[in-house]
Amino acid sequence: MQDDEKIYRIELTNEEYEFLQNLKNELYKKLSKMTKKERLQYFRDNYCNEQKLNFEKEINGTIYKVNTHFDVNAEESILNKFFRLTKKS
């Protein structure tokens, strides 16, 4: 990371955090009952349309551009990454 790059931290209320935890747990239960092949198809059908994942959003006069990239050789699944990123510190 370069010195001129900024890091933003999203602060959640306890209610928001618990809501996300519940969503995560529900999704985890659903996915844990699927085979690997079914999970891959689930993500392809519901989350991996690249056009839906790349977007721009203006917040308080700042435009944020979000681009997604998937590494087919990644050692961490998208679900594990989501859980790691939403873990309360």
PDB file of N, CA and C in Angstrom:
ATOM      1  N   MET A   1       0.843  -1.179   0.000  1.00  0.00           N
ATOM      2  CA  MET A   1       0.000   0.000   0.000  1.00  0.00           C
ATOM      3  C   MET A   1       0.884   1.236   0.000  1.00  0.00           C
ATOM      4  N   GLN A   2       0.506   2.199  -0.802  1.00  0.00           N
ATOM      5  CA  GLN A   2       1.256   3.439  -0.866  1.00  0.00           C
ATOM      6  C   GLN A   2       0.791   4.402   0.211  1.00  0.00           C
ATOM      7  N   ASP A   3       1.643   5.357   0.535  1.00  0.00           N
ATOM      8  CA  ASP A   3       1.326   6.314   1.598  1.00  0.00           C
ATOM      9  C   ASP A   3       0.094   7.154   1.298  1.00  0.00           C
ATOM     10  N   ASP A   4      -0.193   7.425   0.008  1.00  0.00           N
ATOM     11  CA  ASP A   4      -1.314   8.296  -0.314  1.00  0.00           C
ATOM     12  C   ASP A   4      -2.651   7.548  -0.392  1.00  0.00           C
ATOM     13  N   GLU A   5      -2.654   6.227  -0.169  1.00  0.00           N
ATOM     14  CA  GLU A   5      -3.894   5.466  -0.172  1.00  0.00           C
ATOM     15  C   GLU A   5      -4.575   5.585   1.189  1.00  0.00           C
ATOM     16  N   LYS A   6      -5.898   5.645   1.168  1.00  0.00           N
ATOM     17  CA  LYS A   6      -6.659   5.771   2.407  1.00  0.00           C
ATOM     18  C   LYS A   6      -7.308   4.442   2.741  1.00  0.00           C
ATOM     19  N   ILE A   7      -7.468   4.181   4.023  1.00  0.00           N
ATOM     20  CA  ILE A   7      -8.178   3.005   4.505  1.00  0.00           C
ATOM     21  C   ILE A   7      -9.429   3.488   5.220  1.00  0.00           C
ATOM     22  N   TYR A   8     -10.571   2.918   4.849  1.00  0.00           N
ATOM     23  CA  TYR A   8     -11.835   3.282   5.472  1.00  0.00           C
ATOM     24  C   TYR A   8     -12.338   2.114   6.297  1.00  0.00           C
ATOM     25  N   ARG A   9     -12.848   2.400   7.467  1.00  0.00           N
ATOM     26  CA  ARG A   9     -13.398   1.383   8.358  1.00  0.00           C
ATOM     27  C   ARG A   9     -14.889   1.645   8.512  1.00  0.00           C
ATOM     28  N   ILE A  10     -15.678   0.600   8.331  1.00  0.00           N
ATOM     29  CA  ILE A  10     -17.124   0.732   8.473  1.00  0.00           C
ATOM     30  C   ILE A  10     -17.488   0.365   9.899  1.00  0.00           C
ATOM     31  N   GLU A  11     -18.119   1.280  10.592  1.00  0.00           N
ATOM     32  CA  GLU A  11     -18.548   1.034  11.965  1.00  0.00           C
ATOM     33  C   GLU A  11     -20.012   0.605  11.950  1.00  0.00           C
ATOM     34  N   LEU A  12     -20.318  -0.495  12.606  1.00  0.00           N
ATOM     35  CA  LEU A  12     -21.677  -1.008  12.680  1.00  0.00           C
ATOM     36  C   LEU A  12     -22.203  -0.904  14.103  1.00  0.00           C
ATOM     37  N   THR A  13     -23.498  -0.661  14.208  1.00  0.00           N
ATOM     38  CA  THR A  13     -24.121  -0.746  15.530  1.00  0.00           C
ATOM     39  C   THR A  13     -24.208  -2.230  15.894  1.00  0.00           C
ATOM     40  N   ASN A  14     -24.447  -2.522  17.145  1.00  0.00           N
ATOM     41  CA  ASN A  14     -24.605  -3.921  17.554  1.00  0.00           C
ATOM     42  C   ASN A  14     -25.767  -4.577  16.812  1.00  0.00           C
ATOM     43  N   GLU A  15     -26.847  -3.835  16.620  1.00  0.00           N
ATOM     44  CA  GLU A  15     -28.011  -4.363  15.905  1.00  0.00           C
ATOM     45  C   GLU A  15     -27.659  -4.712  14.453  1.00  0.00           C
ATOM     46  N   GLU A  16     -26.912  -3.827  13.783  1.00  0.00           N
ATOM     47  CA  GLU A  16     -26.484  -4.087  12.400  1.00  0.00           C
ATOM     48  C   GLU A  16     -25.536  -5.278  12.339  1.00  0.00           C
ATOM     49  N   TYR A  17     -24.622  -5.334  13.301  1.00  0.00           N
ATOM     50  CA  TYR A  17     -23.664  -6.442  13.335  1.00  0.00           C
ATOM     51  C   TYR A  17     -24.389  -7.775  13.547  1.00  0.00           C
ATOM     52  N   GLU A  18     -25.328  -7.816  14.473  1.00  0.00           N
ATOM     53  CA  GLU A  18     -26.073  -9.053  14.730  1.00  0.00           C
ATOM     54  C   GLU A  18     -26.915  -9.449  13.529  1.00  0.00           C
ATOM     55  N   PHE A  19     -27.491  -8.469  12.826  1.00  0.00           N
ATOM     56  CA  PHE A  19     -28.243  -8.754  11.612  1.00  0.00           C
ATOM     57  C   PHE A  19     -27.346  -9.445  10.583  1.00  0.00           C
ATOM     58  N   LEU A  20     -26.142  -8.901  10.378  1.00  0.00           N
ATOM     59  CA  LEU A  20     -25.202  -9.513   9.438  1.00  0.00           C
ATOM     60  C   LEU A  20     -24.756 -10.894   9.902  1.00  0.00           C
ATOM     61  N   GLN A  21     -24.556 -11.045  11.200  1.00  0.00           N
ATOM     62  CA  GLN A  21     -24.180 -12.360  11.739  1.00  0.00           C
ATOM     63  C   GLN A  21     -25.278 -13.386  11.455  1.00  0.00           C
ATOM     64  N   ASN A  22     -26.538 -12.997  11.656  1.00  0.00           N
ATOM     65  CA  ASN A  22     -27.650 -13.903  11.388  1.00  0.00           C
ATOM     66  C   ASN A  22     -27.726 -14.273   9.915  1.00  0.00           C
ATOM     67  N   LEU A  23     -27.531 -13.293   9.036  1.00  0.00           N
ATOM     68  CA  LEU A  23     -27.514 -13.580   7.603  1.00  0.00           C
ATOM     69  C   LEU A  23     -26.393 -14.554   7.265  1.00  0.00           C
ATOM     70  N   LYS A  24     -25.234 -14.296   7.836  1.00  0.00           N
ATOM     71  CA  LYS A  24     -24.079 -15.167   7.599  1.00  0.00           C
ATOM     72  C   LYS A  24     -24.369 -16.582   8.065  1.00  0.00           C
ATOM     73  N   ASN A  25     -24.928 -16.730   9.252  1.00  0.00           N
ATOM     74  CA  ASN A  25     -25.226 -18.058   9.793  1.00  0.00           C
ATOM     75  C   ASN A  25     -26.263 -18.794   8.950  1.00  0.00           C
ATOM     76  N   GLU A  26     -27.290 -18.081   8.487  1.00  0.00           N
ATOM     77  CA  GLU A  26     -28.304 -18.699   7.630  1.00  0.00           C
ATOM     78  C   GLU A  26     -27.686 -19.178   6.317  1.00  0.00           C
ATOM     79  N   LEU A  27     -26.849 -18.341   5.728  1.00  0.00           N
ATOM     80  CA  LEU A  27     -26.201 -18.723   4.476  1.00  0.00           C
ATOM     81  C   LEU A  27     -25.254 -19.903   4.695  1.00  0.00           C
ATOM     82  N   TYR A  28     -24.510 -19.869   5.790  1.00  0.00           N
ATOM     83  CA  TYR A  28     -23.587 -20.955   6.095  1.00  0.00           C
ATOM     84  C   TYR A  28     -24.332 -22.281   6.235  1.00  0.00           C
ATOM     85  N   LYS A  29     -25.462 -22.275   6.933  1.00  0.00           N
ATOM     86  CA  LYS A  29     -26.263 -23.497   7.086  1.00  0.00           C
ATOM     87  C   LYS A  29     -26.729 -24.004   5.730  1.00  0.00           C
ATOM     88  N   LYS A  30     -27.234 -23.090   4.922  1.00  0.00           N
ATOM     89  CA  LYS A  30     -27.724 -23.457   3.593  1.00  0.00           C
ATOM     90  C   LYS A  30     -26.603 -24.060   2.752  1.00  0.00           C
ATOM     91  N   LEU A  31     -25.441 -23.409   2.734  1.00  0.00           N
ATOM     92  CA  LEU A  31     -24.325 -23.879   1.921  1.00  0.00           C
ATOM     93  C   LEU A  31     -23.716 -25.174   2.449  1.00  0.00           C
ATOM     94  N   SER A  32     -23.735 -25.360   3.759  1.00  0.00           N
ATOM     95  CA  SER A  32     -23.127 -26.559   4.344  1.00  0.00           C
ATOM     96  C   SER A  32     -23.891 -27.832   3.974  1.00  0.00           C
ATOM     97  N   LYS A  33     -25.140 -27.673   3.578  1.00  0.00           N
ATOM     98  CA  LYS A  33     -25.954 -28.828   3.181  1.00  0.00           C
ATOM     99  C   LYS A  33     -25.771 -29.177   1.709  1.00  0.00           C
ATOM    100  N   MET A  34     -25.040 -28.335   0.972  1.00  0.00           N
ATOM    101  CA  MET A  34     -24.851 -28.543  -0.463  1.00  0.00           C
ATOM    102  C   MET A  34     -23.537 -29.256  -0.741  1.00  0.00           C
ATOM    103  N   THR A  35     -23.484 -29.948  -1.869  1.00  0.00           N
ATOM    104  CA  THR A  35     -22.214 -30.516  -2.330  1.00  0.00           C
ATOM    105  C   THR A  35     -21.371 -29.380  -2.897  1.00  0.00           C
ATOM    106  N   LYS A  36     -20.103 -29.632  -3.123  1.00  0.00           N
ATOM    107  CA  LYS A  36     -19.228 -28.607  -3.695  1.00  0.00           C
ATOM    108  C   LYS A  36     -19.774 -28.131  -5.040  1.00  0.00           C
ATOM    109  N   LYS A  37     -20.223 -29.073  -5.850  1.00  0.00           N
ATOM    110  CA  LYS A  37     -20.764 -28.738  -7.166  1.00  0.00           C
ATOM    111  C   LYS A  37     -22.008 -27.850  -7.034  1.00  0.00           C
ATOM    112  N   GLU A  38     -22.879 -28.165  -6.089  1.00  0.00           N
ATOM    113  CA  GLU A  38     -24.079 -27.363  -5.861  1.00  0.00           C
ATOM    114  C   GLU A  38     -23.728 -25.958  -5.364  1.00  0.00           C
ATOM    115  N   ARG A  39     -22.707 -25.869  -4.482  1.00  0.00           N
ATOM    116  CA  ARG A  39     -22.282 -24.557  -3.976  1.00  0.00           C
ATOM    117  C   ARG A  39     -21.738 -23.691  -5.109  1.00  0.00           C
ATOM    118  N   LEU A  40     -20.907 -24.285  -5.949  1.00  0.00           N
ATOM    119  CA  LEU A  40     -20.353 -23.522  -7.064  1.00  0.00           C
ATOM    120  C   LEU A  40     -21.467 -23.010  -7.982  1.00  0.00           C
ATOM    121  N   GLN A  41     -22.433 -23.861  -8.263  1.00  0.00           N
ATOM    122  CA  GLN A  41     -23.547 -23.450  -9.112  1.00  0.00           C
ATOM    123  C   GLN A  41     -24.373 -22.364  -8.431  1.00  0.00           C
ATOM    124  N   TYR A  42     -24.566 -22.485  -7.124  1.00  0.00           N
ATOM    125  CA  TYR A  42     -25.311 -21.477  -6.360  1.00  0.00           C
ATOM    126  C   TYR A  42     -24.653 -20.103  -6.496  1.00  0.00           C
ATOM    127  N   PHE A  43     -23.320 -20.060  -6.339  1.00  0.00           N
ATOM    128  CA  PHE A  43     -22.616 -18.780  -6.449  1.00  0.00           C
ATOM    129  C   PHE A  43     -22.632 -18.265  -7.880  1.00  0.00           C
ATOM    130  N   ARG A  44     -22.497 -19.151  -8.850  1.00  0.00           N
ATOM    131  CA  ARG A  44     -22.580 -18.717 -10.250  1.00  0.00           C
ATOM    132  C   ARG A  44     -23.941 -18.098 -10.543  1.00  0.00           C
ATOM    133  N   ASP A  45     -24.993 -18.747 -10.075  1.00  0.00           N
ATOM    134  CA  ASP A  45     -26.357 -18.288 -10.354  1.00  0.00           C
ATOM    135  C   ASP A  45     -26.727 -17.015  -9.604  1.00  0.00           C
ATOM    136  N   ASN A  46     -26.201 -16.835  -8.391  1.00  0.00           N
ATOM    137  CA  ASN A  46     -26.659 -15.749  -7.529  1.00  0.00           C
ATOM    138  C   ASN A  46     -25.683 -14.601  -7.331  1.00  0.00           C
ATOM    139  N   TYR A  47     -24.400 -14.837  -7.478  1.00  0.00           N
ATOM    140  CA  TYR A  47     -23.448 -13.791  -7.100  1.00  0.00           C
ATOM    141  C   TYR A  47     -22.386 -13.477  -8.140  1.00  0.00           C
ATOM    142  N   CYS A  48     -22.197 -14.300  -9.099  1.00  0.00           N
ATOM    143  CA  CYS A  48     -21.022 -14.147  -9.960  1.00  0.00           C
ATOM    144  C   CYS A  48     -21.296 -13.536 -11.317  1.00  0.00           C
ATOM    145  N   ASN A  49     -22.352 -12.790 -11.434  1.00  0.00           N
ATOM    146  CA  ASN A  49     -22.559 -12.037 -12.659  1.00  0.00           C
ATOM    147  C   ASN A  49     -21.698 -10.787 -12.546  1.00  0.00           C
ATOM    148  N   GLU A  50     -20.584 -10.770 -13.268  1.00  0.00           N
ATOM    149  CA  GLU A  50     -19.614  -9.680 -13.124  1.00  0.00           C
ATOM    150  C   GLU A  50     -20.225  -8.303 -13.313  1.00  0.00           C
ATOM    151  N   GLN A  51     -21.153  -8.187 -14.223  1.00  0.00           N
ATOM    152  CA  GLN A  51     -21.746  -6.879 -14.481  1.00  0.00           C
ATOM    153  C   GLN A  51     -22.499  -6.348 -13.266  1.00  0.00           C
ATOM    154  N   LYS A  52     -23.084  -7.235 -12.477  1.00  0.00           N
ATOM    155  CA  LYS A  52     -23.804  -6.802 -11.281  1.00  0.00           C
ATOM    156  C   LYS A  52     -22.840  -6.434 -10.151  1.00  0.00           C
ATOM    157  N   LEU A  53     -21.648  -7.002 -10.164  1.00  0.00           N
ATOM    158  CA  LEU A  53     -20.702  -6.785  -9.074  1.00  0.00           C
ATOM    159  C   LEU A  53     -19.833  -5.545  -9.273  1.00  0.00           C
ATOM    160  N   ASN A  54     -19.735  -5.048 -10.474  1.00  0.00           N
ATOM    161  CA  ASN A  54     -18.962  -3.839 -10.746  1.00  0.00           C
ATOM    162  C   ASN A  54     -19.919  -2.658 -10.797  1.00  0.00           C
ATOM    163  N   PHE A  55     -19.677  -1.661  -9.954  1.00  0.00           N
ATOM    164  CA  PHE A  55     -20.592  -0.526  -9.910  1.00  0.00           C
ATOM    165  C   PHE A  55     -19.903   0.702  -9.352  1.00  0.00           C
ATOM    166  N   GLU A  56     -20.555   1.844  -9.519  1.00  0.00           N
ATOM    167  CA  GLU A  56     -20.109   3.104  -8.922  1.00  0.00           C
ATOM    168  C   GLU A  56     -21.206   3.607  -7.998  1.00  0.00           C
ATOM    169  N   LYS A  57     -20.796   4.192  -6.885  1.00  0.00           N
ATOM    170  CA  LYS A  57     -21.758   4.707  -5.905  1.00  0.00           C
ATOM    171  C   LYS A  57     -21.230   6.037  -5.381  1.00  0.00           C
ATOM    172  N   GLU A  58     -22.089   7.051  -5.378  1.00  0.00           N
ATOM    173  CA  GLU A  58     -21.699   8.342  -4.827  1.00  0.00           C
ATOM    174  C   GLU A  58     -22.202   8.444  -3.391  1.00  0.00           C
ATOM    175  N   ILE A  59     -21.293   8.754  -2.488  1.00  0.00           N
ATOM    176  CA  ILE A  59     -21.631   8.932  -1.078  1.00  0.00           C
ATOM    177  C   ILE A  59     -21.010  10.242  -0.615  1.00  0.00           C
ATOM    178  N   ASN A  60     -21.842  11.171  -0.196  1.00  0.00           N
ATOM    179  CA  ASN A  60     -21.390  12.482   0.303  1.00  0.00           C
ATOM    180  C   ASN A  60     -20.428  13.178  -0.661  1.00  0.00           C
ATOM    181  N   GLY A  61     -20.754  13.137  -1.954  1.00  0.00           N
ATOM    182  CA  GLY A  61     -19.940  13.834  -2.943  1.00  0.00           C
ATOM    183  C   GLY A  61     -18.715  13.076  -3.419  1.00  0.00           C
ATOM    184  N   THR A  62     -18.421  11.919  -2.844  1.00  0.00           N
ATOM    185  CA  THR A  62     -17.293  11.100  -3.278  1.00  0.00           C
ATOM    186  C   THR A  62     -17.837   9.917  -4.064  1.00  0.00           C
ATOM    187  N   ILE A  63     -17.270   9.692  -5.242  1.00  0.00           N
ATOM    188  CA  ILE A  63     -17.705   8.561  -6.063  1.00  0.00           C
ATOM    189  C   ILE A  63     -16.771   7.383  -5.801  1.00  0.00           C
ATOM    190  N   TYR A  64     -17.357   6.272  -5.381  1.00  0.00           N
ATOM    191  CA  TYR A  64     -16.615   5.048  -5.125  1.00  0.00           C
ATOM    192  C   TYR A  64     -16.866   4.088  -6.281  1.00  0.00           C
ATOM    193  N   LYS A  65     -15.818   3.559  -6.858  1.00  0.00           N
ATOM    194  CA  LYS A  65     -15.933   2.611  -7.956  1.00  0.00           C
ATOM    195  C   LYS A  65     -15.513   1.238  -7.431  1.00  0.00           C
ATOM    196  N   VAL A  66     -16.399   0.255  -7.570  1.00  0.00           N
ATOM    197  CA  VAL A  66     -16.144  -1.093  -7.074  1.00  0.00           C
ATOM    198  C   VAL A  66     -15.983  -2.028  -8.267  1.00  0.00           C
ATOM    199  N   ASN A  67     -14.851  -2.685  -8.337  1.00  0.00           N
ATOM    200  CA  ASN A  67     -14.592  -3.680  -9.372  1.00  0.00           C
ATOM    201  C   ASN A  67     -14.227  -4.991  -8.690  1.00  0.00           C
ATOM    202  N   THR A  68     -14.752  -6.069  -9.189  1.00  0.00           N
ATOM    203  CA  THR A  68     -14.476  -7.375  -8.592  1.00  0.00           C
ATOM    204  C   THR A  68     -13.623  -8.199  -9.524  1.00  0.00           C
ATOM    205  N   HIS A  69     -12.768  -8.980  -8.917  1.00  0.00           N
ATOM    206  CA  HIS A  69     -11.895  -9.886  -9.658  1.00  0.00           C
ATOM    207  C   HIS A  69     -11.828 -11.192  -8.888  1.00  0.00           C
ATOM    208  N   PHE A  70     -11.928 -12.306  -9.591  1.00  0.00           N
ATOM    209  CA  PHE A  70     -11.887 -13.606  -8.946  1.00  0.00           C
ATOM    210  C   PHE A  70     -10.662 -14.372  -9.425  1.00  0.00           C
ATOM    211  N   ASP A  71      -9.931 -14.915  -8.484  1.00  0.00           N
ATOM    212  CA  ASP A  71      -8.760 -15.727  -8.782  1.00  0.00           C
ATOM    213  C   ASP A  71      -9.164 -17.194  -8.703  1.00  0.00           C
ATOM    214  N   VAL A  72      -9.137 -17.886  -9.827  1.00  0.00           N
ATOM    215  CA  VAL A  72      -9.557 -19.293  -9.846  1.00  0.00           C
ATOM    216  C   VAL A  72      -8.619 -20.178  -9.030  1.00  0.00           C
ATOM    217  N   ASN A  73      -7.422 -19.675  -8.717  1.00  0.00           N
ATOM    218  CA  ASN A  73      -6.455 -20.444  -7.923  1.00  0.00           C
ATOM    219  C   ASN A  73      -6.385 -19.985  -6.471  1.00  0.00           C
ATOM    220  N   ALA A  74      -7.354 -19.183  -6.045  1.00  0.00           N
ATOM    221  CA  ALA A  74      -7.346 -18.638  -4.686  1.00  0.00           C
ATOM    222  C   ALA A  74      -7.439 -19.752  -3.651  1.00  0.00           C
ATOM    223  N   GLU A  75      -6.774 -19.555  -2.542  1.00  0.00           N
ATOM    224  CA  GLU A  75      -6.793 -20.538  -1.455  1.00  0.00           C
ATOM    225  C   GLU A  75      -7.939 -20.290  -0.480  1.00  0.00           C
ATOM    226  N   GLU A  76      -8.555 -19.113  -0.565  1.00  0.00           N
ATOM    227  CA  GLU A  76      -9.652 -18.766   0.334  1.00  0.00           C
ATOM    228  C   GLU A  76     -10.931 -18.624  -0.489  1.00  0.00           C
ATOM    229  N   SER A  77     -12.003 -19.255  -0.036  1.00  0.00           N
ATOM    230  CA  SER A  77     -13.272 -19.150  -0.755  1.00  0.00           C
ATOM    231  C   SER A  77     -13.884 -17.775  -0.520  1.00  0.00           C
ATOM    232  N   ILE A  78     -14.796 -17.399  -1.402  1.00  0.00           N
ATOM    233  CA  ILE A  78     -15.482 -16.117  -1.246  1.00  0.00           C
ATOM    234  C   ILE A  78     -16.269 -16.079   0.062  1.00  0.00           C
ATOM    235  N   LEU A  79     -16.812 -17.209   0.453  1.00  0.00           N
ATOM    236  CA  LEU A  79     -17.572 -17.276   1.704  1.00  0.00           C
ATOM    237  C   LEU A  79     -16.646 -17.060   2.906  1.00  0.00           C
ATOM    238  N   ASN A  80     -15.493 -17.728   2.923  1.00  0.00           N
ATOM    239  CA  ASN A  80     -14.535 -17.532   4.018  1.00  0.00           C
ATOM    240  C   ASN A  80     -14.029 -16.094   4.060  1.00  0.00           C
ATOM    241  N   LYS A  81     -13.815 -15.523   2.898  1.00  0.00           N
ATOM    242  CA  LYS A  81     -13.362 -14.130   2.845  1.00  0.00           C
ATOM    243  C   LYS A  81     -14.443 -13.209   3.418  1.00  0.00           C
ATOM    244  N   PHE A  82     -15.698 -13.448   3.048  1.00  0.00           N
ATOM    245  CA  PHE A  82     -16.807 -12.659   3.594  1.00  0.00           C
ATOM    246  C   PHE A  82     -16.847 -12.766   5.107  1.00  0.00           C
ATOM    247  N   PHE A  83     -16.741 -13.996   5.627  1.00  0.00           N
ATOM    248  CA  PHE A  83     -16.774 -14.196   7.077  1.00  0.00           C
ATOM    249  C   PHE A  83     -15.616 -13.473   7.756  1.00  0.00           C
ATOM    250  N   ARG A  84     -14.429 -13.547   7.161  1.00  0.00           N
ATOM    251  CA  ARG A  84     -13.254 -12.887   7.724  1.00  0.00           C
ATOM    252  C   ARG A  84     -13.433 -11.372   7.737  1.00  0.00           C
ATOM    253  N   LEU A  85     -13.936 -10.828   6.631  1.00  0.00           N
ATOM    254  CA  LEU A  85     -14.096  -9.381   6.533  1.00  0.00           C
ATOM    255  C   LEU A  85     -15.192  -8.823   7.424  1.00  0.00           C
ATOM    256  N   THR A  86     -16.191  -9.649   7.743  1.00  0.00           N
ATOM    257  CA  THR A  86     -17.292  -9.170   8.590  1.00  0.00           C
ATOM    258  C   THR A  86     -17.124  -9.558  10.041  1.00  0.00           C
ATOM    259  N   LYS A  87     -16.021 -10.207  10.366  1.00  0.00           N
ATOM    260  CA  LYS A  87     -15.774 -10.599  11.757  1.00  0.00           C
ATOM    261  C   LYS A  87     -15.568  -9.351  12.603  1.00  0.00           C
ATOM    262  N   LYS A  88     -16.246  -9.284  13.726  1.00  0.00           N
ATOM    263  CA  LYS A  88     -16.115  -8.113  14.592  1.00  0.00           C
ATOM    264  C   LYS A  88     -14.764  -8.162  15.286  1.00  0.00           C
ATOM    265  N   SER A  89     -14.034  -7.046  15.201  1.00  0.00           N
ATOM    266  CA  SER A  89     -12.692  -7.005  15.803  1.00  0.00           C
ATOM    267  C   SER A  89     -12.729  -6.540  17.235  1.00  0.00           C
TER     268      SER A  89
END
